[in-house]
Amino acid sequence: MDAGPDEDAGPGIGRTHLSGPLLAAALAAPLLLLAGLVYLATSVSLFTGGPSAARADTLPLAKARAFDARAAYRLTAEQVRYGQRPAGSPQLARLAERLRPLLPDGRFEPLPGSTAAKPLRNIVGTLPGTKPAIVIGAHYDTLVKPKGFVGANNGAAGSAIVIEVARALRALRRPAGAPELKFVLFDGEEPDAGLPEEQADFYHAGLRGSRAYVARHPGQTRAMLLLDYVGGRRLQLPREGSSDRALWGDVRAAATRAGVAAVFPDRTGVLIQDDHTPFLRAGVPAVDFIDWSYPGHTLKDGMKRIDVRALDAVGETVVAYLRGVR
């Protein structure tokens, strides 16, 4: 993705001399308090899934319980263990084989230029319903540099949420007339050489999977939700500058129903070219969930910066939105 030019009583008072049982109880009280604090910290750590536990209280806890955030956290970490995963690399090809069966009716859609030696392919899952479909997407490739970049948030977190949203909705009873849902993991979002900001024409150097999907499925998409930087600590998701205003309003209403409205502030951020852009250019209402304050193009983008409450807030919001669409 690439940012465009547009639219945080003194020491002796009350002292009592204690002896015998009273003294023992007084000495024991701090130990009991410490034990309680350790238990509480452990409980929070178990929910947050790891290193971000100390800061988890900065994000609201969703009141909805349809989405499995801990499963999304584990799947994010699993993708990171494949290492750097640029488009066409052997490690991304292995990851694609792992992710495909996790989507309902998951299948590959080759991209232009794909070869046996360098496969480029979107992964597409489907839940049947009334057409045209709503697309929920994320890219699963990583930057080609800096060397060692593993893309915990810039790729893995969004892909994990897409998969777990599909799993959640597959388990729920959907009403008659509910729209068809397409879950798409885009390949080739990042350019083959350098960073997005180094490209003279990022739209054509990157965004290969989303451009190919739009070209392959003309007129078949009703709306599109893109999940990009969605797993970081202190997550904030204002409306990205080009995102459809009406659709973003519906997303914020869903976030309110899920109890995480604070994650979706009522303001507009910068305009960013991302995998939602080809959909917008094709006349499809689309929104980009992206926290542009996150260091997504540096080696800082590792699991230590992923917060399970951020994954939960986004996952529950997307599920709430999709359950409310008719």
Protein backbone atom coordinates (compact mmCIF):
# COMPACT_ATOMS: atom_id res chain seq x y z
CA MET A 1 0.00 0.00 0.00
CA ASP A 2 1.14 3.55 -0.59
CA ALA A 3 0.04 6.81 1.01
CA GLY A 4 -1.42 9.44 -1.25
CA PRO A 5 -1.32 13.22 -0.86
CA ASP A 6 -4.79 13.55 0.73
CA GLU A 7 -7.13 13.09 3.37
CA ASP A 8 -2.17 11.25 20.19
CA ALA A 9 -1.96 12.63 56.05
CA GLY A 10 1.83 12.32 56.37
CA PRO A 11 4.08 9.32 57.11
CA GLY A 12 3.18 8.91 60.80
CA ILE A 13 -0.56 9.52 60.69
CA GLY A 14 -2.75 6.56 61.58
CA ARG A 15 0.22 4.28 62.38
CA THR A 16 -0.76 1.36 64.70
CA HIS A 17 1.52 -0.98 66.62
CA LEU A 18 0.52 -4.62 65.99
CA SER A 19 1.57 -7.85 67.64
CA GLY A 20 0.64 -11.56 67.62
CA PRO A 21 -2.15 -12.64 65.25
CA LEU A 22 -2.75 -9.08 64.09
CA LEU A 23 0.89 -8.69 63.09
CA ALA A 24 0.84 -12.00 61.19
CA ALA A 25 -2.30 -10.98 59.31
CA ALA A 26 -0.82 -7.62 58.43
CA LEU A 27 2.34 -9.25 57.09
CA ALA A 28 0.31 -11.77 55.06
CA ALA A 29 -1.93 -9.18 53.43
CA PRO A 30 0.67 -7.84 50.95
CA LEU A 31 1.52 -11.41 49.90
CA LEU A 32 -2.15 -12.15 49.23
CA LEU A 33 -2.46 -8.94 47.24
CA LEU A 34 0.65 -9.83 45.22
CA ALA A 35 -0.73 -13.29 44.48
CA GLY A 36 -3.97 -11.77 43.28
CA LEU A 37 -2.14 -9.38 41.00
CA VAL A 38 -0.06 -12.22 39.54
CA TYR A 39 -3.23 -14.23 38.90
CA LEU A 40 -4.87 -11.25 37.21
CA ALA A 41 -1.83 -10.60 35.02
CA THR A 42 -1.69 -14.25 34.04
CA SER A 43 -5.38 -14.23 33.10
CA VAL A 44 -4.90 -11.16 30.91
CA SER A 45 -1.83 -12.75 29.27
CA LEU A 46 -3.78 -15.89 28.44
CA PHE A 47 -6.41 -13.82 26.69
CA THR A 48 -4.01 -11.57 24.82
CA GLY A 49 -1.93 -14.48 23.62
CA GLY A 50 1.51 -13.15 24.37
CA PRO A 51 3.83 -10.15 24.53
CA SER A 52 1.21 -7.45 24.09
CA ALA A 53 -0.55 -8.42 27.33
CA ALA A 54 0.81 -5.44 29.27
CA ARG A 55 -0.90 -2.99 26.90
CA ALA A 56 -4.08 -4.93 26.15
CA ASP A 57 -6.10 -2.67 28.44
CA THR A 58 -5.65 0.19 25.95
CA LEU A 59 -8.21 -1.46 23.65
CA PRO A 60 -11.81 -2.30 24.51
CA LEU A 61 -12.84 -5.89 24.96
CA ALA A 62 -15.53 -6.74 22.41
CA LYS A 63 -18.84 -7.76 23.93
CA ALA A 64 -19.60 -10.00 20.96
CA ARG A 65 -18.36 -13.59 21.04
CA ALA A 66 -18.70 -14.87 17.48
CA PHE A 67 -15.05 -14.50 16.43
CA ASP A 68 -12.11 -16.59 17.73
CA ALA A 69 -9.37 -14.00 18.26
CA ARG A 70 -6.95 -16.44 19.86
CA ALA A 71 -7.17 -18.68 16.79
CA ALA A 72 -6.45 -15.61 14.63
CA TYR A 73 -3.43 -14.80 16.80
CA ARG A 74 -2.09 -18.34 16.42
CA LEU A 75 -2.61 -18.25 12.66
CA THR A 76 -0.81 -14.90 12.46
CA ALA A 77 2.15 -16.39 14.31
CA GLU A 78 2.10 -19.49 12.09
CA GLN A 79 2.39 -17.36 8.96
CA VAL A 80 5.28 -15.40 10.47
CA ARG A 81 7.17 -18.67 11.07
CA TYR A 82 7.36 -19.17 7.29
CA GLY A 83 9.74 -16.19 7.26
CA GLN A 84 9.83 -13.51 4.61
CA ARG A 85 7.18 -14.38 2.01
CA PRO A 86 7.44 -12.21 -1.13
CA ALA A 87 5.23 -13.01 -4.09
CA GLY A 88 6.45 -15.97 -6.11
CA SER A 89 8.77 -17.27 -3.37
CA PRO A 90 8.88 -20.97 -2.35
CA GLN A 91 7.92 -20.08 1.21
CA LEU A 92 4.80 -18.20 0.05
CA ALA A 93 3.89 -21.12 -2.19
CA ARG A 94 4.08 -23.46 0.82
CA LEU A 95 2.01 -21.07 2.91
CA ALA A 96 -0.62 -20.85 0.17
CA GLU A 97 -1.05 -24.64 0.28
CA ARG A 98 -1.57 -24.38 4.02
CA LEU A 99 -4.11 -21.53 3.84
CA ARG A 100 -6.27 -22.70 0.94
CA PRO A 101 -8.13 -25.49 2.80
CA LEU A 102 -8.83 -23.12 5.70
CA LEU A 103 -11.29 -21.16 3.54
CA PRO A 104 -14.72 -22.58 2.65
CA ASP A 105 -14.52 -24.15 -0.80
CA GLY A 106 -11.03 -22.68 -1.00
CA ARG A 107 -9.38 -22.59 -4.41
CA PHE A 108 -6.54 -20.89 -6.25
CA GLU A 109 -6.99 -18.26 -8.94
CA PRO A 110 -3.72 -17.78 -10.88
CA LEU A 111 -2.59 -14.23 -11.64
CA PRO A 112 -1.19 -13.02 -14.95
CA GLY A 113 2.47 -14.00 -15.19
CA SER A 114 2.14 -16.97 -12.86
CA THR A 115 4.44 -19.91 -13.70
CA ALA A 116 5.22 -23.27 -12.13
CA ALA A 117 8.57 -21.91 -10.99
CA LYS A 118 7.06 -18.67 -9.67
CA PRO A 119 3.39 -19.18 -8.79
CA LEU A 120 1.29 -16.06 -8.31
CA ARG A 121 -2.20 -16.85 -7.09
CA ASN A 122 -5.05 -15.50 -5.08
CA ILE A 123 -6.77 -17.82 -2.61
CA VAL A 124 -10.56 -17.53 -2.81
CA GLY A 125 -13.21 -19.02 -0.53
CA THR A 126 -16.99 -18.79 -0.88
CA LEU A 127 -20.07 -18.91 1.30
CA PRO A 128 -23.12 -19.11 -1.01
CA GLY A 129 -25.82 -16.50 -1.06
CA THR A 130 -27.50 -13.86 -3.18
CA LYS A 131 -25.30 -12.30 -5.84
CA PRO A 132 -23.49 -9.98 -6.25
CA ALA A 133 -21.04 -10.92 -3.51
CA ILE A 134 -19.40 -9.02 -0.69
CA VAL A 135 -15.62 -9.47 -0.77
CA ILE A 136 -13.61 -9.64 2.44
CA GLY A 137 -9.93 -9.51 1.57
CA ALA A 138 -6.34 -9.16 2.74
CA HIS A 139 -2.96 -9.74 1.11
CA TYR A 140 -0.82 -12.65 2.27
CA ASP A 141 2.51 -11.81 0.64
CA THR A 142 5.20 -9.66 2.27
CA LEU A 143 7.66 -6.99 1.22
CA VAL A 144 10.84 -8.07 -0.54
CA LYS A 145 12.86 -5.77 1.73
CA PRO A 146 14.18 -5.09 4.26
CA LYS A 147 15.84 -8.51 4.46
CA GLY A 148 14.20 -10.61 7.16
CA PHE A 149 10.85 -8.76 7.05
CA VAL A 150 8.16 -11.18 8.32
CA GLY A 151 5.04 -9.00 8.04
CA ALA A 152 3.16 -9.86 11.23
CA ASN A 153 0.72 -6.98 10.72
CA ASN A 154 1.50 -6.10 7.11
CA GLY A 155 -0.02 -9.26 5.70
CA ALA A 156 -0.36 -12.03 8.29
CA ALA A 157 -2.85 -10.47 10.73
CA GLY A 158 -5.32 -9.43 8.02
CA SER A 159 -5.14 -12.84 6.36
CA ALA A 160 -5.73 -14.58 9.69
CA ILE A 161 -8.80 -12.45 10.39
CA VAL A 162 -10.26 -13.14 6.95
CA ILE A 163 -9.91 -16.89 7.55
CA GLU A 164 -11.38 -16.75 11.07
CA VAL A 165 -14.28 -14.52 9.94
CA ALA A 166 -15.07 -17.13 7.28
CA ARG A 167 -14.94 -19.87 9.93
CA ALA A 168 -17.23 -17.90 12.26
CA LEU A 169 -19.83 -17.17 9.57
CA ARG A 170 -19.74 -20.73 8.29
CA ALA A 171 -20.81 -21.89 11.75
CA LEU A 172 -23.70 -19.39 12.00
CA ARG A 173 -27.16 -19.71 10.51
CA ARG A 174 -27.46 -17.07 7.80
CA PRO A 175 -30.92 -15.79 6.84
CA ALA A 176 -32.52 -16.46 3.49
CA GLY A 177 -31.46 -13.84 0.98
CA ALA A 178 -28.12 -13.15 2.69
CA PRO A 179 -25.45 -12.10 0.19
CA GLU A 180 -22.81 -14.39 -1.20
CA LEU A 181 -19.51 -13.89 0.62
CA LYS A 182 -16.10 -14.11 -1.03
CA PHE A 183 -13.03 -14.42 1.17
CA VAL A 184 -9.96 -13.46 -0.84
CA LEU A 185 -6.28 -13.61 0.11
CA PHE A 186 -4.49 -11.46 -2.46
CA ASP A 187 -1.06 -12.35 -3.80
CA GLY A 188 1.35 -9.79 -5.22
CA GLU A 189 0.14 -6.78 -3.24
CA GLU A 190 3.74 -5.76 -2.69
CA PRO A 191 5.95 -4.93 -5.70
CA ASP A 192 8.69 -7.30 -6.85
CA ALA A 193 11.41 -4.73 -6.20
CA GLY A 194 11.72 -2.24 -3.38
CA LEU A 195 9.12 -0.65 -1.17
CA PRO A 196 5.76 0.71 -2.34
CA GLU A 197 6.89 4.28 -1.65
CA GLU A 198 9.84 3.77 -3.99
CA GLN A 199 7.61 2.99 -6.97
CA ALA A 200 6.84 5.55 -9.61
CA ASP A 201 3.54 3.75 -10.27
CA PHE A 202 2.65 1.61 -7.28
CA TYR A 203 -0.83 0.88 -8.62
CA HIS A 204 0.66 -1.16 -11.46
CA ALA A 205 3.85 -2.33 -9.68
CA GLY A 206 1.81 -3.76 -6.81
CA LEU A 207 -1.84 -4.61 -6.15
CA ARG A 208 -1.52 -7.47 -8.64
CA GLY A 209 -3.93 -9.82 -6.88
CA SER A 210 -6.70 -7.28 -6.38
CA ARG A 211 -6.41 -5.92 -9.90
CA ALA A 212 -6.62 -9.46 -11.28
CA TYR A 213 -9.62 -10.31 -9.11
CA VAL A 214 -11.58 -7.26 -10.27
CA ALA A 215 -10.76 -7.99 -13.90
CA ARG A 216 -11.74 -11.65 -13.55
CA HIS A 217 -15.05 -10.97 -11.77
CA PRO A 218 -16.54 -7.87 -13.42
CA GLY A 219 -19.88 -6.78 -12.03
CA GLN A 220 -19.87 -9.58 -9.45
CA THR A 221 -19.01 -7.58 -6.32
CA ARG A 222 -21.50 -5.59 -4.25
CA ALA A 223 -19.05 -4.20 -1.68
CA MET A 224 -15.51 -4.83 -0.50
CA LEU A 225 -13.85 -4.80 2.94
CA LEU A 226 -10.03 -4.79 2.99
CA LEU A 227 -8.12 -5.74 6.15
CA ASP A 228 -4.54 -4.51 6.15
CA TYR A 229 -2.83 -3.10 9.27
CA VAL A 230 -5.38 -4.47 11.73
CA GLY A 231 -3.47 -6.24 14.53
CA GLY A 232 -1.26 -3.63 16.17
CA ARG A 233 -1.26 -2.44 19.76
CA ARG A 234 -3.36 0.67 20.39
CA LEU A 235 -5.17 0.04 17.11
CA GLN A 236 -7.01 3.02 15.65
CA LEU A 237 -8.92 2.76 12.39
CA PRO A 238 -10.20 6.11 11.13
CA ARG A 239 -11.78 6.15 7.69
CA GLU A 240 -9.00 5.83 5.10
CA GLY A 241 -9.20 8.86 2.81
CA SER A 242 -10.64 7.15 -0.26
CA SER A 243 -12.89 4.62 1.51
CA ASP A 244 -16.60 4.80 0.71
CA ARG A 245 -18.27 7.00 3.33
CA ALA A 246 -21.62 5.20 3.47
CA LEU A 247 -20.02 1.76 3.74
CA TRP A 248 -17.64 3.03 6.42
CA GLY A 249 -20.62 4.36 8.34
CA ASP A 250 -22.15 0.88 8.25
CA VAL A 251 -18.85 -0.57 9.50
CA ARG A 252 -18.75 1.89 12.41
CA ALA A 253 -22.34 0.99 13.30
CA ALA A 254 -21.30 -2.67 13.38
CA ALA A 255 -18.33 -1.78 15.60
CA THR A 256 -20.74 -0.09 18.00
CA ARG A 257 -22.89 -3.22 18.11
CA ALA A 258 -19.77 -5.28 18.81
CA GLY A 259 -18.74 -2.94 21.64
CA VAL A 260 -15.54 -1.65 20.02
CA ALA A 261 -16.58 1.73 18.60
CA ALA A 262 -13.50 3.34 20.19
CA VAL A 263 -11.30 1.47 17.71
CA PHE A 264 -13.09 3.19 14.79
CA PRO A 265 -12.87 6.94 15.52
CA ASP A 266 -15.13 9.32 13.64
CA ARG A 267 -12.44 11.02 11.59
CA THR A 268 -10.70 10.62 8.26
CA GLY A 269 -7.07 9.65 7.77
CA VAL A 270 -4.76 9.85 4.76
CA LEU A 271 -5.61 8.49 1.34
CA ILE A 272 -3.80 5.23 0.63
CA GLN A 273 -3.55 3.17 -2.53
CA ASP A 274 -4.23 -0.38 -1.41
CA ASP A 275 -6.02 -3.55 -2.50
CA HIS A 276 -9.38 -1.77 -2.22
CA THR A 277 -8.37 0.75 -4.89
CA PRO A 278 -9.06 -1.46 -7.95
CA PHE A 279 -12.55 -2.10 -6.56
CA LEU A 280 -13.17 1.63 -6.12
CA ARG A 281 -11.99 2.27 -9.67
CA ALA A 282 -14.48 -0.35 -10.86
CA GLY A 283 -17.32 1.49 -9.09
CA VAL A 284 -17.55 -0.92 -6.13
CA PRO A 285 -18.03 0.61 -2.66
CA ALA A 286 -14.91 -0.39 -0.73
CA VAL A 287 -13.21 0.43 2.57
CA ASP A 288 -9.70 -0.10 3.88
CA PHE A 289 -9.15 -1.08 7.52
CA ILE A 290 -5.63 0.29 8.00
CA ASP A 291 -3.82 1.92 10.93
CA TRP A 292 -1.27 3.97 8.99
CA SER A 293 0.58 4.95 12.20
CA TYR A 294 1.88 1.37 12.44
CA PRO A 295 5.54 0.77 11.30
CA GLY A 296 4.50 -1.67 8.59
CA HIS A 297 7.54 -1.29 6.33
CA THR A 298 10.26 -1.98 8.93
CA LEU A 299 11.68 -4.91 10.85
CA LYS A 300 9.65 -3.73 13.84
CA ASP A 301 6.65 -5.48 12.29
CA GLY A 302 6.88 -8.67 14.36
CA MET A 303 4.66 -10.64 16.71
CA LYS A 304 5.64 -8.51 19.71
CA ARG A 305 3.51 -5.73 18.24
CA ILE A 306 0.41 -7.86 17.66
CA ASP A 307 -2.43 -7.51 20.19
CA VAL A 308 -5.14 -10.15 20.27
CA ARG A 309 -7.68 -7.51 21.32
CA ALA A 310 -7.01 -5.65 18.08
CA LEU A 311 -7.64 -8.85 16.11
CA ASP A 312 -10.79 -9.40 18.15
CA ALA A 313 -12.12 -5.87 17.62
CA VAL A 314 -11.73 -6.11 13.85
CA GLY A 315 -12.97 -9.69 13.59
CA GLU A 316 -16.08 -9.08 15.68
CA THR A 317 -16.83 -5.88 13.75
CA VAL A 318 -16.61 -7.62 10.38
CA VAL A 319 -18.79 -10.49 11.59
CA ALA A 320 -21.34 -8.05 13.02
CA TYR A 321 -21.42 -6.12 9.75
CA LEU A 322 -21.86 -9.20 7.59
CA ARG A 323 -24.57 -10.62 9.86
CA GLY A 324 -26.52 -7.38 9.50
CA VAL A 325 -26.36 -7.10 5.70
CA ARG A 326 -29.44 -8.06 3.67
